[in-house]
């Protein structure tokens, strides 16, 4: 995974329940739209009730949950 995508996933993880698509796009300007297309198309994130959530695949890309 490229570092920018990983940083974007960390941004969403660290925002908890507060990350929105508009906020993401604004905060990641000028590459926000392109970055969103990458992380969304790879199935690393989903939008539920207007909030961005990491999927299992997204969590896995960040190394969560920790292997047992």
C-alpha atoms as a PDB file:
ATOM      1  CA  UNK A   1       0.000   0.000   0.000  1.00  0.00           C
ATOM      2  CA  UNK A   2       1.287   3.453  -0.834  1.00  0.00           C
ATOM      3  CA  UNK A   3       1.995   5.733   2.159  1.00  0.00           C
ATOM      4  CA  UNK A   4      -0.690   8.295   1.260  1.00  0.00           C
ATOM      5  CA  UNK A   5      -3.418   5.632   1.244  1.00  0.00           C
ATOM      6  CA  UNK A   6      -2.205   4.280   4.568  1.00  0.00           C
ATOM      7  CA  UNK A   7      -2.210   7.785   6.050  1.00  0.00           C
ATOM      8  CA  UNK A   8      -5.754   8.303   4.778  1.00  0.00           C
ATOM      9  CA  UNK A   9      -6.899   5.093   6.482  1.00  0.00           C
ATOM     10  CA  UNK A  10      -5.199   6.208   9.704  1.00  0.00           C
ATOM     11  CA  UNK A  11      -6.988   9.558   9.421  1.00  0.00           C
ATOM     12  CA  UNK A  12     -10.330   7.746   9.246  1.00  0.00           C
ATOM     13  CA  UNK A  13      -9.405   5.365  12.077  1.00  0.00           C
ATOM     14  CA  UNK A  14      -8.286   8.241  14.304  1.00  0.00           C
ATOM     15  CA  UNK A  15     -11.450  10.244  13.584  1.00  0.00           C
ATOM     16  CA  UNK A  16     -13.503   7.462  15.177  1.00  0.00           C
ATOM     17  CA  UNK A  17     -17.142   8.026  14.338  1.00  0.00           C
ATOM     18  CA  UNK A  18     -16.552  11.578  13.154  1.00  0.00           C
ATOM     19  CA  UNK A  19     -15.134  11.183   9.637  1.00  0.00           C
ATOM     20  CA  UNK A  20     -17.428  12.313   6.831  1.00  0.00           C
ATOM     21  CA  UNK A  21     -16.849  12.156   3.099  1.00  0.00           C
ATOM     22  CA  UNK A  22     -17.027  15.960   2.762  1.00  0.00           C
ATOM     23  CA  UNK A  23     -14.615  16.447   5.647  1.00  0.00           C
ATOM     24  CA  UNK A  24     -12.248  13.893   4.165  1.00  0.00           C
ATOM     25  CA  UNK A  25     -12.303  15.557   0.758  1.00  0.00           C
ATOM     26  CA  UNK A  26     -11.738  18.991   2.299  1.00  0.00           C
ATOM     27  CA  UNK A  27      -8.912  17.843   4.581  1.00  0.00           C
ATOM     28  CA  UNK A  28      -7.105  15.952   1.807  1.00  0.00           C
ATOM     29  CA  UNK A  29      -7.412  18.705  -0.813  1.00  0.00           C
ATOM     30  CA  UNK A  30      -6.026  18.794  -3.538  1.00  0.00           C
ATOM     31  CA  UNK A  31      -5.728  14.987  -3.831  1.00  0.00           C
ATOM     32  CA  UNK A  32      -8.848  14.141  -1.809  1.00  0.00           C
ATOM     33  CA  UNK A  33     -11.074  13.016  -4.681  1.00  0.00           C
ATOM     34  CA  UNK A  34      -8.400  10.823  -6.237  1.00  0.00           C
ATOM     35  CA  UNK A  35      -7.445   9.353  -2.860  1.00  0.00           C
ATOM     36  CA  UNK A  36     -11.101   8.694  -1.993  1.00  0.00           C
ATOM     37  CA  UNK A  37     -11.560   6.825  -5.286  1.00  0.00           C
ATOM     38  CA  UNK A  38      -8.567   4.621  -4.453  1.00  0.00           C
ATOM     39  CA  UNK A  39      -9.521   3.687  -0.897  1.00  0.00           C
ATOM     40  CA  UNK A  40     -13.224   3.284  -1.726  1.00  0.00           C
ATOM     41  CA  UNK A  41     -12.693   1.222  -4.890  1.00  0.00           C
ATOM     42  CA  UNK A  42     -10.352  -1.132  -3.031  1.00  0.00           C
ATOM     43  CA  UNK A  43     -13.068  -1.769  -0.454  1.00  0.00           C
ATOM     44  CA  UNK A  44     -11.109  -0.319   2.454  1.00  0.00           C
ATOM     45  CA  UNK A  45     -13.893   2.081   3.478  1.00  0.00           C
ATOM     46  CA  UNK A  46     -17.676   2.390   3.358  1.00  0.00           C
ATOM     47  CA  UNK A  47     -20.124   5.160   4.158  1.00  0.00           C
ATOM     48  CA  UNK A  48     -22.848   4.412   6.702  1.00  0.00           C
ATOM     49  CA  UNK A  49     -25.253   7.027   8.053  1.00  0.00           C
ATOM     50  CA  UNK A  50     -23.114   9.740   6.479  1.00  0.00           C
ATOM     51  CA  UNK A  51     -19.948   8.615   8.275  1.00  0.00           C
ATOM     52  CA  UNK A  52     -16.887   6.909   6.832  1.00  0.00           C
ATOM     53  CA  UNK A  53     -16.006   3.572   8.383  1.00  0.00           C
ATOM     54  CA  UNK A  54     -13.101   1.263   7.744  1.00  0.00           C
ATOM     55  CA  UNK A  55     -14.099  -2.142   6.435  1.00  0.00           C
ATOM     56  CA  UNK A  56     -12.422  -5.343   7.589  1.00  0.00           C
ATOM     57  CA  UNK A  57     -10.163  -5.014   4.567  1.00  0.00           C
ATOM     58  CA  UNK A  58      -9.252  -1.457   5.601  1.00  0.00           C
ATOM     59  CA  UNK A  59      -8.553  -2.541   9.162  1.00  0.00           C
ATOM     60  CA  UNK A  60      -6.418  -5.360   7.814  1.00  0.00           C
ATOM     61  CA  UNK A  61      -4.404  -2.921   5.681  1.00  0.00           C
ATOM     62  CA  UNK A  62      -3.538  -1.069   8.886  1.00  0.00           C
ATOM     63  CA  UNK A  63      -2.694  -4.266  10.726  1.00  0.00           C
ATOM     64  CA  UNK A  64      -5.867  -4.405  12.864  1.00  0.00           C
ATOM     65  CA  UNK A  65      -6.889  -6.440  14.642  1.00  0.00           C
ATOM     66  CA  UNK A  66      -3.536  -7.453  15.948  1.00  0.00           C
ATOM     67  CA  UNK A  67      -2.648 -11.017  15.024  1.00  0.00           C
ATOM     68  CA  UNK A  68      -3.018 -13.460  17.887  1.00  0.00           C
END
